[in-house]
Amino acid sequence: MTEPQPPCLSTDEIKAVKFAVRRQLRRWRDRDLEPERRQRREHLAGALNVLEEFPDGCELREQETTGER
């Protein structure tokens, strides 16, 4: 039986994610991408900004829906 994964990433895992995102963004730099990949690039850049803004990590929670708008 495998142990459940902790609900957070370790410092090394965060560094690995940031490295992978930067590498992919470099691959896509200066390329004329199709709309889907262009959007994916924007999302990756946004995720990288969040990881860099909170270097010690942050807790992400699902938003509660109240049904009111």
PDB file of N, CA and C in Angstrom:
ATOM      1  N   MET A   1       0.844  -1.174   0.000  1.00  0.00           N
ATOM      2  CA  MET A   1       0.000   0.000   0.000  1.00  0.00           C
ATOM      3  C   MET A   1       0.897   1.248   0.000  1.00  0.00           C
ATOM      4  N   THR A   2       0.621   2.179  -0.863  1.00  0.00           N
ATOM      5  CA  THR A   2       1.432   3.394  -0.927  1.00  0.00           C
ATOM      6  C   THR A   2       0.904   4.437   0.047  1.00  0.00           C
ATOM      7  N   GLU A   3       1.834   5.252   0.538  1.00  0.00           N
ATOM      8  CA  GLU A   3       1.445   6.310   1.465  1.00  0.00           C
ATOM      9  C   GLU A   3       0.874   7.482   0.679  1.00  0.00           C
ATOM     10  N   PRO A   4      -0.114   8.173   1.257  1.00  0.00           N
ATOM     11  CA  PRO A   4      -0.673   9.336   0.555  1.00  0.00           C
ATOM     12  C   PRO A   4       0.361  10.438   0.413  1.00  0.00           C
ATOM     13  N   GLN A   5       0.302  11.130  -0.701  1.00  0.00           N
ATOM     14  CA  GLN A   5       1.229  12.231  -0.970  1.00  0.00           C
ATOM     15  C   GLN A   5       0.878  13.420  -0.083  1.00  0.00           C
ATOM     16  N   PRO A   6       1.897  14.109   0.443  1.00  0.00           N
ATOM     17  CA  PRO A   6       1.599  15.294   1.250  1.00  0.00           C
ATOM     18  C   PRO A   6       0.915  16.358   0.390  1.00  0.00           C
ATOM     19  N   PRO A   7       0.087  17.210   1.014  1.00  0.00           N
ATOM     20  CA  PRO A   7      -0.678  18.191   0.244  1.00  0.00           C
ATOM     21  C   PRO A   7       0.141  19.390  -0.224  1.00  0.00           C
ATOM     22  N   CYS A   8       1.459  19.331  -0.095  1.00  0.00           N
ATOM     23  CA  CYS A   8       2.279  20.464  -0.527  1.00  0.00           C
ATOM     24  C   CYS A   8       3.545  19.955  -1.214  1.00  0.00           C
ATOM     25  N   LEU A   9       4.181  20.839  -1.947  1.00  0.00           N
ATOM     26  CA  LEU A   9       5.427  20.503  -2.629  1.00  0.00           C
ATOM     27  C   LEU A   9       6.608  20.865  -1.746  1.00  0.00           C
ATOM     28  N   SER A  10       7.645  20.063  -1.826  1.00  0.00           N
ATOM     29  CA  SER A  10       8.872  20.377  -1.100  1.00  0.00           C
ATOM     30  C   SER A  10       9.601  21.502  -1.832  1.00  0.00           C
ATOM     31  N   THR A  11      10.579  22.082  -1.175  1.00  0.00           N
ATOM     32  CA  THR A  11      11.382  23.136  -1.795  1.00  0.00           C
ATOM     33  C   THR A  11      12.038  22.628  -3.070  1.00  0.00           C
ATOM     34  N   ASP A  12      12.565  21.406  -3.023  1.00  0.00           N
ATOM     35  CA  ASP A  12      13.200  20.832  -4.217  1.00  0.00           C
ATOM     36  C   ASP A  12      12.195  20.620  -5.348  1.00  0.00           C
ATOM     37  N   GLU A  13      10.974  20.221  -5.003  1.00  0.00           N
ATOM     38  CA  GLU A  13       9.954  20.033  -6.030  1.00  0.00           C
ATOM     39  C   GLU A  13       9.566  21.369  -6.656  1.00  0.00           C
ATOM     40  N   ILE A  14       9.469  22.419  -5.849  1.00  0.00           N
ATOM     41  CA  ILE A  14       9.161  23.751  -6.380  1.00  0.00           C
ATOM     42  C   ILE A  14      10.272  24.207  -7.314  1.00  0.00           C
ATOM     43  N   LYS A  15      11.520  23.987  -6.930  1.00  0.00           N
ATOM     44  CA  LYS A  15      12.651  24.352  -7.793  1.00  0.00           C
ATOM     45  C   LYS A  15      12.597  23.589  -9.109  1.00  0.00           C
ATOM     46  N   ALA A  16      12.233  22.319  -9.050  1.00  0.00           N
ATOM     47  CA  ALA A  16      12.150  21.499 -10.265  1.00  0.00           C
ATOM     48  C   ALA A  16      11.043  22.006 -11.186  1.00  0.00           C
ATOM     49  N   VAL A  17       9.911  22.374 -10.618  1.00  0.00           N
ATOM     50  CA  VAL A  17       8.803  22.907 -11.425  1.00  0.00           C
ATOM     51  C   VAL A  17       9.219  24.215 -12.085  1.00  0.00           C
ATOM     52  N   LYS A  18       9.846  25.111 -11.317  1.00  0.00           N
ATOM     53  CA  LYS A  18      10.287  26.389 -11.871  1.00  0.00           C
ATOM     54  C   LYS A  18      11.293  26.166 -13.003  1.00  0.00           C
ATOM     55  N   PHE A  19      12.210  25.225 -12.818  1.00  0.00           N
ATOM     56  CA  PHE A  19      13.190  24.918 -13.858  1.00  0.00           C
ATOM     57  C   PHE A  19      12.492  24.434 -15.126  1.00  0.00           C
ATOM     58  N   ALA A  20      11.537  23.516 -14.969  1.00  0.00           N
ATOM     59  CA  ALA A  20      10.830  22.967 -16.127  1.00  0.00           C
ATOM     60  C   ALA A  20      10.013  24.039 -16.846  1.00  0.00           C
ATOM     61  N   VAL A  21       9.377  24.923 -16.088  1.00  0.00           N
ATOM     62  CA  VAL A  21       8.578  25.996 -16.700  1.00  0.00           C
ATOM     63  C   VAL A  21       9.487  26.946 -17.467  1.00  0.00           C
ATOM     64  N   ARG A  22      10.594  27.342 -16.850  1.00  0.00           N
ATOM     65  CA  ARG A  22      11.528  28.240 -17.546  1.00  0.00           C
ATOM     66  C   ARG A  22      12.058  27.601 -18.835  1.00  0.00           C
ATOM     67  N   ARG A  23      12.381  26.317 -18.776  1.00  0.00           N
ATOM     68  CA  ARG A  23      12.897  25.619 -19.955  1.00  0.00           C
ATOM     69  C   ARG A  23      11.858  25.614 -21.067  1.00  0.00           C
ATOM     70  N   GLN A  24      10.602  25.335 -20.719  1.00  0.00           N
ATOM     71  CA  GLN A  24       9.553  25.322 -21.744  1.00  0.00           C
ATOM     72  C   GLN A  24       9.322  26.713 -22.302  1.00  0.00           C
ATOM     73  N   LEU A  25       9.317  27.729 -21.448  1.00  0.00           N
ATOM     74  CA  LEU A  25       9.131  29.097 -21.936  1.00  0.00           C
ATOM     75  C   LEU A  25      10.264  29.503 -22.880  1.00  0.00           C
ATOM     76  N   ARG A  26      11.488  29.063 -22.583  1.00  0.00           N
ATOM     77  CA  ARG A  26      12.616  29.349 -23.499  1.00  0.00           C
ATOM     78  C   ARG A  26      12.406  28.671 -24.848  1.00  0.00           C
ATOM     79  N   ARG A  27      11.893  27.460 -24.819  1.00  0.00           N
ATOM     80  CA  ARG A  27      11.637  26.740 -26.083  1.00  0.00           C
ATOM     81  C   ARG A  27      10.621  27.487 -26.940  1.00  0.00           C
ATOM     82  N   TRP A  28       9.618  28.047 -26.297  1.00  0.00           N
ATOM     83  CA  TRP A  28       8.551  28.722 -27.025  1.00  0.00           C
ATOM     84  C   TRP A  28       8.855  30.183 -27.321  1.00  0.00           C
ATOM     85  N   ARG A  29       9.927  30.718 -26.759  1.00  0.00           N
ATOM     86  CA  ARG A  29      10.261  32.129 -26.971  1.00  0.00           C
ATOM     87  C   ARG A  29      10.527  32.363 -28.458  1.00  0.00           C
ATOM     88  N   ASP A  30      10.081  33.482 -28.943  1.00  0.00           N
ATOM     89  CA  ASP A  30      10.308  33.913 -30.329  1.00  0.00           C
ATOM     90  C   ASP A  30       9.708  32.977 -31.372  1.00  0.00           C
ATOM     91  N   ARG A  31       8.751  32.179 -30.983  1.00  0.00           N
ATOM     92  CA  ARG A  31       8.076  31.314 -31.954  1.00  0.00           C
ATOM     93  C   ARG A  31       6.661  31.813 -32.171  1.00  0.00           C
ATOM     94  N   ASP A  32       6.187  31.635 -33.377  1.00  0.00           N
ATOM     95  CA  ASP A  32       4.796  31.965 -33.694  1.00  0.00           C
ATOM     96  C   ASP A  32       3.970  30.726 -33.358  1.00  0.00           C
ATOM     97  N   LEU A  33       3.342  30.732 -32.196  1.00  0.00           N
ATOM     98  CA  LEU A  33       2.614  29.559 -31.712  1.00  0.00           C
ATOM     99  C   LEU A  33       1.150  29.619 -32.117  1.00  0.00           C
ATOM    100  N   GLU A  34       0.563  28.438 -32.234  1.00  0.00           N
ATOM    101  CA  GLU A  34      -0.877  28.377 -32.471  1.00  0.00           C
ATOM    102  C   GLU A  34      -1.592  28.868 -31.219  1.00  0.00           C
ATOM    103  N   PRO A  35      -2.832  29.302 -31.334  1.00  0.00           N
ATOM    104  CA  PRO A  35      -3.535  29.938 -30.202  1.00  0.00           C
ATOM    105  C   PRO A  35      -3.543  29.101 -28.914  1.00  0.00           C
ATOM    106  N   GLU A  36      -3.734  27.792 -29.035  1.00  0.00           N
ATOM    107  CA  GLU A  36      -3.774  26.949 -27.835  1.00  0.00           C
ATOM    108  C   GLU A  36      -2.431  26.969 -27.099  1.00  0.00           C
ATOM    109  N   ARG A  37      -1.349  26.851 -27.825  1.00  0.00           N
ATOM    110  CA  ARG A  37      -0.023  26.887 -27.188  1.00  0.00           C
ATOM    111  C   ARG A  37       0.325  28.279 -26.692  1.00  0.00           C
ATOM    112  N   ARG A  38      -0.134  29.299 -27.387  1.00  0.00           N
ATOM    113  CA  ARG A  38       0.094  30.667 -26.926  1.00  0.00           C
ATOM    114  C   ARG A  38      -0.581  30.878 -25.577  1.00  0.00           C
ATOM    115  N   GLN A  39      -1.797  30.364 -25.436  1.00  0.00           N
ATOM    116  CA  GLN A  39      -2.512  30.463 -24.168  1.00  0.00           C
ATOM    117  C   GLN A  39      -1.799  29.649 -23.087  1.00  0.00           C
ATOM    118  N   ARG A  40      -1.322  28.478 -23.453  1.00  0.00           N
ATOM    119  CA  ARG A  40      -0.592  27.647 -22.496  1.00  0.00           C
ATOM    120  C   ARG A  40       0.678  28.362 -22.033  1.00  0.00           C
ATOM    121  N   ARG A  41       1.357  29.051 -22.957  1.00  0.00           N
ATOM    122  CA  ARG A  41       2.560  29.806 -22.602  1.00  0.00           C
ATOM    123  C   ARG A  41       2.216  30.912 -21.605  1.00  0.00           C
ATOM    124  N   GLU A  42       1.108  31.612 -21.840  1.00  0.00           N
ATOM    125  CA  GLU A  42       0.673  32.662 -20.911  1.00  0.00           C
ATOM    126  C   GLU A  42       0.368  32.091 -19.533  1.00  0.00           C
ATOM    127  N   HIS A  43      -0.274  30.925 -19.480  1.00  0.00           N
ATOM    128  CA  HIS A  43      -0.581  30.297 -18.199  1.00  0.00           C
ATOM    129  C   HIS A  43       0.701  29.869 -17.480  1.00  0.00           C
ATOM    130  N   LEU A  44       1.653  29.322 -18.227  1.00  0.00           N
ATOM    131  CA  LEU A  44       2.925  28.932 -17.614  1.00  0.00           C
ATOM    132  C   LEU A  44       3.664  30.147 -17.068  1.00  0.00           C
ATOM    133  N   ALA A  45       3.664  31.229 -17.816  1.00  0.00           N
ATOM    134  CA  ALA A  45       4.328  32.448 -17.353  1.00  0.00           C
ATOM    135  C   ALA A  45       3.655  32.969 -16.082  1.00  0.00           C
ATOM    136  N   GLY A  46       2.337  32.900 -16.031  1.00  0.00           N
ATOM    137  CA  GLY A  46       1.618  33.322 -14.830  1.00  0.00           C
ATOM    138  C   GLY A  46       1.927  32.433 -13.634  1.00  0.00           C
ATOM    139  N   ALA A  47       1.996  31.134 -13.868  1.00  0.00           N
ATOM    140  CA  ALA A  47       2.335  30.203 -12.788  1.00  0.00           C
ATOM    141  C   ALA A  47       3.746  30.465 -12.269  1.00  0.00           C
ATOM    142  N   LEU A  48       4.660  30.733 -13.178  1.00  0.00           N
ATOM    143  CA  LEU A  48       6.032  31.037 -12.769  1.00  0.00           C
ATOM    144  C   LEU A  48       6.069  32.313 -11.936  1.00  0.00           C
ATOM    145  N   ASN A  49       5.302  33.309 -12.323  1.00  0.00           N
ATOM    146  CA  ASN A  49       5.248  34.552 -11.538  1.00  0.00           C
ATOM    147  C   ASN A  49       4.767  34.283 -10.116  1.00  0.00           C
ATOM    148  N   VAL A  50       3.768  33.438  -9.969  1.00  0.00           N
ATOM    149  CA  VAL A  50       3.263  33.104  -8.630  1.00  0.00           C
ATOM    150  C   VAL A  50       4.335  32.373  -7.830  1.00  0.00           C
ATOM    151  N   LEU A  51       5.014  31.416  -8.456  1.00  0.00           N
ATOM    152  CA  LEU A  51       6.060  30.674  -7.748  1.00  0.00           C
ATOM    153  C   LEU A  51       7.191  31.596  -7.311  1.00  0.00           C
ATOM    154  N   GLU A  52       7.504  32.595  -8.125  1.00  0.00           N
ATOM    155  CA  GLU A  52       8.572  33.519  -7.767  1.00  0.00           C
ATOM    156  C   GLU A  52       8.106  34.556  -6.741  1.00  0.00           C
ATOM    157  N   GLU A  53       6.829  34.903  -6.772  1.00  0.00           N
ATOM    158  CA  GLU A  53       6.300  35.882  -5.825  1.00  0.00           C
ATOM    159  C   GLU A  53       6.225  35.303  -4.410  1.00  0.00           C
ATOM    160  N   PHE A  54       6.015  34.005  -4.315  1.00  0.00           N
ATOM    161  CA  PHE A  54       5.913  33.322  -3.024  1.00  0.00           C
ATOM    162  C   PHE A  54       6.977  32.227  -2.952  1.00  0.00           C
ATOM    163  N   PRO A  55       8.253  32.601  -2.791  1.00  0.00           N
ATOM    164  CA  PRO A  55       9.329  31.608  -2.837  1.00  0.00           C
ATOM    165  C   PRO A  55       9.249  30.569  -1.721  1.00  0.00           C
ATOM    166  N   ASP A  56       8.599  30.900  -0.626  1.00  0.00           N
ATOM    167  CA  ASP A  56       8.464  29.941   0.470  1.00  0.00           C
ATOM    168  C   ASP A  56       7.189  29.122   0.352  1.00  0.00           C
ATOM    169  N   GLY A  57       6.472  29.335  -0.749  1.00  0.00           N
ATOM    170  CA  GLY A  57       5.246  28.595  -0.992  1.00  0.00           C
ATOM    171  C   GLY A  57       4.030  29.322  -0.456  1.00  0.00           C
ATOM    172  N   CYS A  58       2.897  28.832  -0.819  1.00  0.00           N
ATOM    173  CA  CYS A  58       1.630  29.373  -0.337  1.00  0.00           C
ATOM    174  C   CYS A  58       0.609  28.248  -0.399  1.00  0.00           C
ATOM    175  N   GLU A  59      -0.431  28.405   0.353  1.00  0.00           N
ATOM    176  CA  GLU A  59      -1.474  27.398   0.376  1.00  0.00           C
ATOM    177  C   GLU A  59      -2.558  27.783  -0.622  1.00  0.00           C
ATOM    178  N   LEU A  60      -2.887  26.865  -1.487  1.00  0.00           N
ATOM    179  CA  LEU A  60      -3.947  27.088  -2.459  1.00  0.00           C
ATOM    180  C   LEU A  60      -5.172  26.306  -2.019  1.00  0.00           C
ATOM    181  N   ARG A  61      -6.292  26.963  -2.043  1.00  0.00           N
ATOM    182  CA  ARG A  61      -7.543  26.322  -1.646  1.00  0.00           C
ATOM    183  C   ARG A  61      -8.569  26.496  -2.749  1.00  0.00           C
ATOM    184  N   GLU A  62      -9.471  25.560  -2.783  1.00  0.00           N
ATOM    185  CA  GLU A  62     -10.568  25.647  -3.735  1.00  0.00           C
ATOM    186  C   GLU A  62     -11.510  26.749  -3.276  1.00  0.00           C
ATOM    187  N   GLN A  63     -11.967  27.559  -4.207  1.00  0.00           N
ATOM    188  CA  GLN A  63     -12.888  28.640  -3.856  1.00  0.00           C
ATOM    189  C   GLN A  63     -14.236  28.055  -3.470  1.00  0.00           C
ATOM    190  N   GLU A  64     -14.800  28.639  -2.433  1.00  0.00           N
ATOM    191  CA  GLU A  64     -16.133  28.212  -2.016  1.00  0.00           C
ATOM    192  C   GLU A  64     -17.163  28.888  -2.910  1.00  0.00           C
ATOM    193  N   THR A  65     -18.131  28.140  -3.341  1.00  0.00           N
ATOM    194  CA  THR A  65     -19.194  28.715  -4.157  1.00  0.00           C
ATOM    195  C   THR A  65     -20.417  28.872  -3.276  1.00  0.00           C
ATOM    196  N   THR A  66     -20.925  30.083  -3.237  1.00  0.00           N
ATOM    197  CA  THR A  66     -22.083  30.366  -2.384  1.00  0.00           C
ATOM    198  C   THR A  66     -23.377  30.408  -3.181  1.00  0.00           C
ATOM    199  N   GLY A  67     -23.261  30.382  -4.489  1.00  0.00           N
ATOM    200  CA  GLY A  67     -24.454  30.469  -5.320  1.00  0.00           C
ATOM    201  C   GLY A  67     -24.892  31.877  -5.585  1.00  0.00           C
ATOM    202  N   GLU A  68     -24.313  32.851  -4.887  1.00  0.00           N
ATOM    203  CA  GLU A  68     -24.649  34.251  -5.103  1.00  0.00           C
ATOM    204  C   GLU A  68     -23.703  34.853  -6.134  1.00  0.00           C
ATOM    205  N   ARG A  69     -24.213  35.766  -6.911  1.00  0.00           N
ATOM    206  CA  ARG A  69     -23.379  36.452  -7.907  1.00  0.00           C
ATOM    207  C   ARG A  69     -23.664  37.893  -7.871  1.00  0.00           C
TER     208      ARG A  69
END
